[in-house]
Each structure stands twice: as C-alpha cells, then as structure tokens.
Amino acid sequence: MIQTKDVLRLTGLSADQLREWTSRRGLLKPDVQPSGPGTLALYGWQTVLALRLAVTMRKSFHMELEAHRSLLEGLRHRLAATSFLGLLGCSLACFPDGEWTILRPGEHPPIDQDVVVLRLDPHLEILAAAFAPHEDMRQLPLFAALEVK
C-alpha cells in the first residue's frame, strides 16, 4: 500500500483532483480509508492502476468519468482477483455501452463495434517500480513466520 503523495506522483493528479475523484465523486475509493483527522488514505496497486487508466481516459480521449463509474469500480474489483504478472501484455477494451473486458495477449477487440483500447503495460511498468520490495528484501515472504518451540 502507498500513501497519497505517492499516488499523486504516479498518476499525475493534483491533490484536489485525487480528493475529488476518491471522496466527493467517489469514482474510486482508497483501499484503506483515513480513520480520522491526521490519518492517511492508503492505495494498492489495483486502485492506482485504475486511477492511471482513468487519467488516460480523461486526458487522451476526453471521456467523462462520471459516465464510466461502473467501469472503474468493476475494473478495480476484477483487478483484485487478478495477478499483477497475469496482466502483462493485456489491454483494457471499453465499449460505448459501458461494457468492458480485459484482452489477453494476442486477443483483439471485435471489429463490428467501436471500442477504445488502453494498453496496460506502460502503466504496469511504472507501478512495478513503485511497488517493488525494498532492496534488502530479495524475496517476498510467502508464509507467515511461525514460532518454533
């Protein structure tokens, strides 16, 4: 999990925009809500990826994000059940009716309808560096440590 300052750096959003998107409009909620004044919201890679895709939708395609609230929230939930490495080479296909799908490597969107395709790899590369374990941690722990008696 990362803090707001890191999310701002990774998404290019201003603090006001992030607050607007995650609080006021509720497009995407932080993974850990602040518990009171002086506490920080925390974000996982899935939420940051969804925010980065929302920024791309807004800036590159001038899409109104309010109309795609269900896409963003559905994507966030789908990513929660998806491996980071399993997304390499994938793309997000957004259809005019609000439907969307994740295209696996080699898959193409249907040619009988309009679709906006967002490649995930450029975003995943940036997130991989930001969420990488510390240099002194060469392998992520797979199991909780157990006390030996």
N, C-alpha and C. Protein backbone atom coordinates (compact mmCIF):
# COMPACT_ATOMS: atom_id res chain seq x y z
N MET A 1 0.84 -1.18 0.00
CA MET A 1 0.00 0.00 0.00
C MET A 1 0.88 1.25 0.00
N ILE A 2 0.42 2.26 -0.70
CA ILE A 2 1.18 3.51 -0.75
C ILE A 2 0.29 4.66 -0.31
N GLN A 3 0.95 5.75 0.08
CA GLN A 3 0.24 6.93 0.58
C GLN A 3 -0.13 7.87 -0.56
N THR A 4 -0.93 8.85 -0.22
CA THR A 4 -1.45 9.81 -1.19
C THR A 4 -0.34 10.50 -1.98
N LYS A 5 0.74 10.90 -1.31
CA LYS A 5 1.81 11.62 -2.03
C LYS A 5 2.39 10.78 -3.15
N ASP A 6 2.47 9.46 -2.94
CA ASP A 6 2.99 8.57 -3.98
C ASP A 6 1.97 8.39 -5.10
N VAL A 7 0.69 8.35 -4.75
CA VAL A 7 -0.37 8.23 -5.76
C VAL A 7 -0.36 9.47 -6.65
N LEU A 8 -0.17 10.64 -6.06
CA LEU A 8 -0.12 11.87 -6.85
C LEU A 8 1.03 11.81 -7.85
N ARG A 9 2.18 11.34 -7.40
CA ARG A 9 3.35 11.24 -8.28
C ARG A 9 3.10 10.23 -9.40
N LEU A 10 2.47 9.11 -9.09
CA LEU A 10 2.27 8.04 -10.07
C LEU A 10 1.15 8.31 -11.06
N THR A 11 0.18 9.12 -10.67
CA THR A 11 -0.97 9.37 -11.55
C THR A 11 -0.92 10.72 -12.25
N GLY A 12 -0.16 11.66 -11.71
CA GLY A 12 -0.14 12.99 -12.28
C GLY A 12 -1.32 13.84 -11.85
N LEU A 13 -2.13 13.32 -10.94
CA LEU A 13 -3.26 14.09 -10.42
C LEU A 13 -2.77 15.09 -9.38
N SER A 14 -3.49 16.19 -9.25
CA SER A 14 -3.21 17.11 -8.15
C SER A 14 -3.91 16.58 -6.90
N ALA A 15 -3.56 17.09 -5.75
CA ALA A 15 -4.20 16.66 -4.50
C ALA A 15 -5.70 16.93 -4.55
N ASP A 16 -6.08 18.07 -5.12
CA ASP A 16 -7.51 18.40 -5.23
C ASP A 16 -8.23 17.43 -6.16
N GLN A 17 -7.60 17.09 -7.29
CA GLN A 17 -8.23 16.14 -8.22
C GLN A 17 -8.38 14.77 -7.58
N LEU A 18 -7.36 14.29 -6.89
CA LEU A 18 -7.45 12.98 -6.23
C LEU A 18 -8.55 12.98 -5.18
N ARG A 19 -8.62 14.04 -4.40
CA ARG A 19 -9.67 14.16 -3.39
C ARG A 19 -11.05 14.17 -4.05
N GLU A 20 -11.16 14.89 -5.16
CA GLU A 20 -12.43 14.96 -5.90
C GLU A 20 -12.83 13.58 -6.42
N TRP A 21 -11.89 12.86 -7.01
CA TRP A 21 -12.19 11.56 -7.62
C TRP A 21 -12.45 10.48 -6.58
N THR A 22 -11.73 10.53 -5.45
CA THR A 22 -11.86 9.45 -4.47
C THR A 22 -12.83 9.75 -3.34
N SER A 23 -13.14 11.00 -3.10
CA SER A 23 -14.04 11.34 -2.00
C SER A 23 -15.36 11.91 -2.50
N ARG A 24 -15.28 13.07 -3.10
CA ARG A 24 -16.50 13.77 -3.49
C ARG A 24 -17.30 13.02 -4.55
N ARG A 25 -16.65 12.67 -5.65
CA ARG A 25 -17.35 11.94 -6.71
C ARG A 25 -17.41 10.46 -6.44
N GLY A 26 -16.45 9.95 -5.69
CA GLY A 26 -16.43 8.53 -5.36
C GLY A 26 -16.21 7.64 -6.56
N LEU A 27 -15.41 8.09 -7.54
CA LEU A 27 -15.13 7.25 -8.70
C LEU A 27 -14.39 5.99 -8.29
N LEU A 28 -13.42 6.14 -7.43
CA LEU A 28 -12.65 5.01 -6.87
C LEU A 28 -12.32 5.35 -5.43
N LYS A 29 -12.56 4.45 -4.54
CA LYS A 29 -12.28 4.68 -3.12
C LYS A 29 -10.86 4.20 -2.80
N PRO A 30 -10.21 4.83 -1.82
CA PRO A 30 -8.93 4.30 -1.35
C PRO A 30 -9.14 2.90 -0.78
N ASP A 31 -8.09 2.09 -0.80
CA ASP A 31 -8.20 0.75 -0.24
C ASP A 31 -8.35 0.79 1.27
N VAL A 32 -7.68 1.75 1.90
CA VAL A 32 -7.81 1.97 3.34
C VAL A 32 -8.20 3.43 3.53
N GLN A 33 -9.42 3.65 4.01
CA GLN A 33 -9.92 5.00 4.24
C GLN A 33 -9.21 5.61 5.44
N PRO A 34 -8.99 6.93 5.43
CA PRO A 34 -8.43 7.56 6.62
C PRO A 34 -9.39 7.37 7.79
N SER A 35 -8.85 7.07 8.96
CA SER A 35 -9.71 6.79 10.11
C SER A 35 -10.04 8.03 10.91
N GLY A 36 -9.53 9.16 10.52
CA GLY A 36 -9.82 10.40 11.21
C GLY A 36 -8.85 11.48 10.79
N PRO A 37 -8.97 12.66 11.39
CA PRO A 37 -8.07 13.76 11.05
C PRO A 37 -6.61 13.37 11.31
N GLY A 38 -5.76 13.69 10.36
CA GLY A 38 -4.34 13.40 10.51
C GLY A 38 -3.93 12.01 10.07
N THR A 39 -4.90 11.15 9.72
CA THR A 39 -4.54 9.83 9.22
C THR A 39 -4.60 9.85 7.69
N LEU A 40 -3.87 8.94 7.09
CA LEU A 40 -3.74 8.95 5.64
C LEU A 40 -4.53 7.81 4.99
N ALA A 41 -5.02 8.08 3.79
CA ALA A 41 -5.61 7.02 2.97
C ALA A 41 -4.46 6.21 2.37
N LEU A 42 -4.72 4.93 2.14
CA LEU A 42 -3.72 4.06 1.53
C LEU A 42 -4.30 3.43 0.28
N TYR A 43 -3.44 3.22 -0.72
CA TYR A 43 -3.87 2.72 -2.02
C TYR A 43 -3.03 1.52 -2.43
N GLY A 44 -3.68 0.49 -2.95
CA GLY A 44 -2.99 -0.67 -3.50
C GLY A 44 -2.74 -0.48 -4.99
N TRP A 45 -1.94 -1.37 -5.56
CA TRP A 45 -1.58 -1.21 -6.97
C TRP A 45 -2.80 -1.26 -7.88
N GLN A 46 -3.83 -2.04 -7.51
CA GLN A 46 -5.02 -2.15 -8.35
C GLN A 46 -5.73 -0.80 -8.47
N THR A 47 -5.86 -0.11 -7.34
CA THR A 47 -6.54 1.19 -7.35
C THR A 47 -5.70 2.22 -8.09
N VAL A 48 -4.39 2.19 -7.91
CA VAL A 48 -3.52 3.14 -8.62
C VAL A 48 -3.57 2.87 -10.12
N LEU A 49 -3.60 1.61 -10.52
CA LEU A 49 -3.72 1.28 -11.94
C LEU A 49 -5.04 1.81 -12.49
N ALA A 50 -6.13 1.59 -11.77
CA ALA A 50 -7.43 2.09 -12.22
C ALA A 50 -7.42 3.63 -12.30
N LEU A 51 -6.77 4.30 -11.35
CA LEU A 51 -6.67 5.75 -11.41
C LEU A 51 -5.85 6.20 -12.62
N ARG A 52 -4.74 5.52 -12.89
CA ARG A 52 -3.92 5.86 -14.06
C ARG A 52 -4.72 5.68 -15.35
N LEU A 53 -5.51 4.62 -15.43
CA LEU A 53 -6.34 4.41 -16.62
C LEU A 53 -7.42 5.49 -16.73
N ALA A 54 -7.97 5.91 -15.60
CA ALA A 54 -8.96 6.99 -15.60
C ALA A 54 -8.33 8.29 -16.09
N VAL A 55 -7.10 8.56 -15.67
CA VAL A 55 -6.39 9.76 -16.14
C VAL A 55 -6.21 9.69 -17.66
N THR A 56 -5.83 8.54 -18.18
CA THR A 56 -5.66 8.36 -19.62
C THR A 56 -7.00 8.56 -20.35
N MET A 57 -8.06 7.99 -19.81
CA MET A 57 -9.38 8.15 -20.42
C MET A 57 -9.77 9.62 -20.49
N ARG A 58 -9.50 10.33 -19.42
CA ARG A 58 -9.88 11.74 -19.32
C ARG A 58 -9.01 12.62 -20.22
N LYS A 59 -7.69 12.45 -20.11
CA LYS A 59 -6.78 13.35 -20.84
C LYS A 59 -6.65 13.00 -22.32
N SER A 60 -6.52 11.74 -22.64
CA SER A 60 -6.27 11.36 -24.04
C SER A 60 -7.53 11.26 -24.87
N PHE A 61 -8.64 10.84 -24.24
CA PHE A 61 -9.87 10.61 -25.00
C PHE A 61 -11.00 11.54 -24.59
N HIS A 62 -10.75 12.42 -23.64
CA HIS A 62 -11.73 13.40 -23.16
C HIS A 62 -13.04 12.72 -22.74
N MET A 63 -12.91 11.56 -22.12
CA MET A 63 -14.09 10.81 -21.68
C MET A 63 -14.58 11.37 -20.35
N GLU A 64 -15.87 11.44 -20.21
CA GLU A 64 -16.49 11.88 -18.96
C GLU A 64 -16.47 10.71 -17.99
N LEU A 65 -15.72 10.84 -16.91
CA LEU A 65 -15.52 9.72 -16.00
C LEU A 65 -16.77 9.35 -15.21
N GLU A 66 -17.63 10.31 -14.96
CA GLU A 66 -18.88 10.01 -14.24
C GLU A 66 -19.68 8.93 -14.99
N ALA A 67 -19.65 9.00 -16.31
CA ALA A 67 -20.39 8.03 -17.12
C ALA A 67 -19.76 6.65 -17.07
N HIS A 68 -18.51 6.58 -16.63
CA HIS A 68 -17.79 5.31 -16.59
C HIS A 68 -17.47 4.87 -15.16
N ARG A 69 -18.24 5.35 -14.22
CA ARG A 69 -18.06 4.99 -12.80
C ARG A 69 -18.14 3.48 -12.61
N SER A 70 -19.12 2.83 -13.23
CA SER A 70 -19.27 1.38 -13.06
C SER A 70 -18.10 0.64 -13.69
N LEU A 71 -17.56 1.15 -14.81
CA LEU A 71 -16.38 0.53 -15.42
C LEU A 71 -15.20 0.59 -14.45
N LEU A 72 -14.96 1.76 -13.87
CA LEU A 72 -13.82 1.92 -12.97
C LEU A 72 -13.95 1.06 -11.72
N GLU A 73 -15.14 1.03 -11.15
CA GLU A 73 -15.33 0.22 -9.94
C GLU A 73 -15.28 -1.27 -10.28
N GLY A 74 -15.87 -1.66 -11.40
CA GLY A 74 -15.81 -3.06 -11.82
C GLY A 74 -14.39 -3.49 -12.12
N LEU A 75 -13.64 -2.60 -12.76
CA LEU A 75 -12.24 -2.90 -13.06
C LEU A 75 -11.45 -3.08 -11.77
N ARG A 76 -11.69 -2.21 -10.81
CA ARG A 76 -10.98 -2.29 -9.53
C ARG A 76 -11.23 -3.65 -8.86
N HIS A 77 -12.48 -4.11 -8.89
CA HIS A 77 -12.80 -5.41 -8.29
C HIS A 77 -12.20 -6.56 -9.09
N ARG A 78 -12.21 -6.45 -10.39
CA ARG A 78 -11.63 -7.51 -11.23
C ARG A 78 -10.13 -7.61 -11.01
N LEU A 79 -9.47 -6.45 -10.86
CA LEU A 79 -8.04 -6.44 -10.63
C LEU A 79 -7.69 -7.07 -9.28
N ALA A 80 -8.59 -6.96 -8.32
CA ALA A 80 -8.34 -7.54 -7.00
C ALA A 80 -8.19 -9.05 -7.09
N ALA A 81 -8.80 -9.66 -8.10
CA ALA A 81 -8.75 -11.11 -8.26
C ALA A 81 -7.80 -11.53 -9.37
N THR A 82 -6.95 -10.60 -9.81
CA THR A 82 -6.06 -10.86 -10.93
C THR A 82 -4.62 -10.66 -10.50
N SER A 83 -3.74 -11.51 -10.96
CA SER A 83 -2.32 -11.40 -10.68
C SER A 83 -1.73 -10.23 -11.45
N PHE A 84 -0.83 -9.51 -10.81
CA PHE A 84 -0.12 -8.42 -11.48
C PHE A 84 0.60 -8.95 -12.71
N LEU A 85 1.32 -10.04 -12.54
CA LEU A 85 2.05 -10.62 -13.67
C LEU A 85 1.12 -11.14 -14.76
N GLY A 86 -0.08 -11.55 -14.38
CA GLY A 86 -1.05 -12.04 -15.35
C GLY A 86 -1.59 -10.96 -16.26
N LEU A 87 -1.36 -9.70 -15.90
CA LEU A 87 -1.84 -8.58 -16.72
C LEU A 87 -0.82 -8.12 -17.76
N LEU A 88 0.40 -8.63 -17.67
CA LEU A 88 1.42 -8.22 -18.64
C LEU A 88 0.99 -8.60 -20.06
N GLY A 89 1.09 -7.65 -20.96
CA GLY A 89 0.69 -7.86 -22.35
C GLY A 89 -0.80 -7.67 -22.59
N CYS A 90 -1.57 -7.40 -21.55
CA CYS A 90 -3.02 -7.25 -21.68
C CYS A 90 -3.40 -5.80 -21.99
N SER A 91 -4.65 -5.64 -22.43
CA SER A 91 -5.22 -4.32 -22.70
C SER A 91 -6.62 -4.27 -22.13
N LEU A 92 -7.10 -3.07 -21.88
CA LEU A 92 -8.47 -2.86 -21.43
C LEU A 92 -9.27 -2.35 -22.62
N ALA A 93 -10.34 -3.04 -22.98
CA ALA A 93 -11.22 -2.62 -24.07
C ALA A 93 -12.50 -2.05 -23.47
N CYS A 94 -12.81 -0.79 -23.81
CA CYS A 94 -14.00 -0.09 -23.30
C CYS A 94 -14.98 0.12 -24.46
N PHE A 95 -16.20 -0.34 -24.28
CA PHE A 95 -17.22 -0.26 -25.32
C PHE A 95 -18.19 0.88 -25.04
N PRO A 96 -18.86 1.41 -26.07
CA PRO A 96 -19.75 2.57 -25.90
C PRO A 96 -20.92 2.31 -24.94
N ASP A 97 -21.34 1.05 -24.80
CA ASP A 97 -22.49 0.76 -23.94
C ASP A 97 -22.10 0.63 -22.46
N GLY A 98 -20.82 0.93 -22.14
CA GLY A 98 -20.37 0.85 -20.75
C GLY A 98 -19.75 -0.49 -20.40
N GLU A 99 -19.84 -1.45 -21.30
CA GLU A 99 -19.22 -2.75 -21.06
C GLU A 99 -17.71 -2.62 -21.27
N TRP A 100 -16.97 -3.55 -20.73
CA TRP A 100 -15.53 -3.56 -20.88
C TRP A 100 -15.02 -4.98 -20.70
N THR A 101 -13.81 -5.20 -21.16
CA THR A 101 -13.18 -6.50 -20.98
C THR A 101 -11.67 -6.33 -20.98
N ILE A 102 -11.00 -7.27 -20.37
CA ILE A 102 -9.54 -7.30 -20.42
C ILE A 102 -9.16 -8.25 -21.54
N LEU A 103 -8.42 -7.72 -22.51
CA LEU A 103 -7.96 -8.51 -23.64
C LEU A 103 -6.61 -9.14 -23.29
N ARG A 104 -6.51 -10.43 -23.41
CA ARG A 104 -5.26 -11.15 -23.15
C ARG A 104 -4.30 -10.96 -24.33
N PRO A 105 -3.01 -11.22 -24.12
CA PRO A 105 -2.06 -11.07 -25.23
C PRO A 105 -2.52 -11.87 -26.45
N GLY A 106 -2.51 -11.22 -27.60
CA GLY A 106 -2.92 -11.86 -28.85
C GLY A 106 -4.41 -11.71 -29.15
N GLU A 107 -5.22 -11.36 -28.16
CA GLU A 107 -6.65 -11.15 -28.40
C GLU A 107 -6.86 -9.76 -29.00
N HIS A 108 -7.89 -9.64 -29.80
CA HIS A 108 -8.22 -8.36 -30.42
C HIS A 108 -9.67 -8.05 -30.12
N PRO A 109 -10.00 -6.76 -30.04
CA PRO A 109 -11.40 -6.39 -29.82
C PRO A 109 -12.24 -6.75 -31.04
N PRO A 110 -13.54 -6.92 -30.86
CA PRO A 110 -14.39 -7.23 -32.01
C PRO A 110 -14.35 -6.08 -33.02
N ILE A 111 -14.39 -6.43 -34.29
CA ILE A 111 -14.29 -5.39 -35.33
C ILE A 111 -15.65 -4.87 -35.76
N ASP A 112 -16.73 -5.42 -35.20
CA ASP A 112 -18.07 -5.00 -35.61
C ASP A 112 -18.63 -3.88 -34.74
N GLN A 113 -17.82 -3.33 -33.83
CA GLN A 113 -18.28 -2.23 -33.00
C GLN A 113 -17.11 -1.34 -32.60
N ASP A 114 -17.44 -0.10 -32.21
CA ASP A 114 -16.40 0.83 -31.78
C ASP A 114 -15.90 0.41 -30.40
N VAL A 115 -14.62 0.65 -30.17
CA VAL A 115 -14.02 0.28 -28.89
C VAL A 115 -12.78 1.15 -28.67
N VAL A 116 -12.57 1.53 -27.41
CA VAL A 116 -11.35 2.22 -27.01
C VAL A 116 -10.49 1.19 -26.29
N VAL A 117 -9.24 1.04 -26.74
CA VAL A 117 -8.34 0.06 -26.16
C VAL A 117 -7.20 0.78 -25.45
N LEU A 118 -7.03 0.48 -24.19
CA LEU A 118 -5.95 1.05 -23.38
C LEU A 118 -4.95 -0.05 -23.04
N ARG A 119 -3.71 0.12 -23.46
CA ARG A 119 -2.68 -0.86 -23.15
C ARG A 119 -2.31 -0.75 -21.67
N LEU A 120 -2.13 -1.88 -21.01
CA LEU A 120 -1.82 -1.88 -19.59
C LEU A 120 -0.32 -1.84 -19.31
N ASP A 121 0.50 -2.37 -20.22
CA ASP A 121 1.93 -2.48 -19.95
C ASP A 121 2.62 -1.18 -19.55
N PRO A 122 2.37 -0.04 -20.23
CA PRO A 122 3.06 1.18 -19.80
C PRO A 122 2.74 1.55 -18.34
N HIS A 123 1.52 1.29 -17.91
CA HIS A 123 1.12 1.58 -16.54
C HIS A 123 1.72 0.57 -15.57
N LEU A 124 1.74 -0.69 -15.97
CA LEU A 124 2.28 -1.74 -15.11
C LEU A 124 3.78 -1.56 -14.88
N GLU A 125 4.50 -1.09 -15.89
CA GLU A 125 5.93 -0.86 -15.74
C GLU A 125 6.20 0.19 -14.66
N ILE A 126 5.43 1.25 -14.68
CA ILE A 126 5.60 2.31 -13.68
C ILE A 126 5.23 1.81 -12.30
N LEU A 127 4.14 1.06 -12.21
CA LEU A 127 3.71 0.54 -10.91
C LEU A 127 4.67 -0.51 -10.37
N ALA A 128 5.27 -1.30 -11.25
CA ALA A 128 6.21 -2.33 -10.80
C ALA A 128 7.38 -1.68 -10.05
N ALA A 129 7.86 -0.57 -10.57
CA ALA A 129 8.96 0.12 -9.91
C ALA A 129 8.51 0.75 -8.59
N ALA A 130 7.31 1.30 -8.57
CA ALA A 130 6.82 1.98 -7.37
C ALA A 130 6.47 1.02 -6.24
N PHE A 131 5.98 -0.17 -6.58
CA PHE A 131 5.56 -1.13 -5.56
C PHE A 131 6.59 -2.23 -5.33
N ALA A 132 7.79 -2.07 -5.91
CA ALA A 132 8.83 -3.09 -5.75
C ALA A 132 9.23 -3.21 -4.30
N PRO A 133 9.60 -4.41 -3.86
CA PRO A 133 10.06 -4.56 -2.48
C PRO A 133 11.37 -3.82 -2.27
N HIS A 134 11.67 -3.55 -1.03
CA HIS A 134 12.91 -2.86 -0.69
C HIS A 134 14.11 -3.66 -1.19
N GLU A 135 15.21 -2.98 -1.43
CA GLU A 135 16.40 -3.64 -1.97
C GLU A 135 16.90 -4.75 -1.06
N ASP A 136 16.73 -4.60 0.26
CA ASP A 136 17.23 -5.61 1.17
C ASP A 136 16.32 -6.84 1.23
N MET A 137 15.16 -6.77 0.60
CA MET A 137 14.24 -7.90 0.58
C MET A 137 14.33 -8.56 -0.80
N ARG A 138 15.02 -9.65 -0.89
CA ARG A 138 15.25 -10.29 -2.18
C ARG A 138 14.09 -11.18 -2.61
N GLN A 139 13.29 -11.60 -1.65
CA GLN A 139 12.13 -12.43 -1.97
C GLN A 139 11.01 -12.05 -1.03
N LEU A 140 9.80 -11.96 -1.57
CA LEU A 140 8.66 -11.65 -0.73
C LEU A 140 8.33 -12.85 0.15
N PRO A 141 7.97 -12.62 1.39
CA PRO A 141 7.61 -13.75 2.26
C PRO A 141 6.31 -14.38 1.77
N LEU A 142 6.30 -15.70 1.67
CA LEU A 142 5.12 -16.40 1.19
C LEU A 142 4.24 -16.90 2.34
N PHE A 143 4.87 -17.14 3.48
CA PHE A 143 4.14 -17.67 4.62
C PHE A 143 4.48 -16.83 5.85
N ALA A 144 3.53 -16.75 6.74
CA ALA A 144 3.78 -16.03 7.99
C ALA A 144 4.80 -16.83 8.81
N ALA A 145 5.64 -16.09 9.51
CA ALA A 145 6.64 -16.75 10.35
C ALA A 145 5.94 -17.46 11.51
N LEU A 146 6.43 -18.64 11.83
CA LEU A 146 5.88 -19.42 12.93
C LEU A 146 6.94 -19.56 14.01
N GLU A 147 6.50 -19.48 15.25
CA GLU A 147 7.41 -19.66 16.36
C GLU A 147 7.70 -21.15 16.53
N VAL A 148 8.98 -21.49 16.64
CA VAL A 148 9.39 -22.89 16.80
C VAL A 148 9.67 -23.13 18.27
N LYS A 149 9.09 -24.18 18.83
CA LYS A 149 9.31 -24.48 20.24
C LYS A 149 10.14 -25.72 20.39
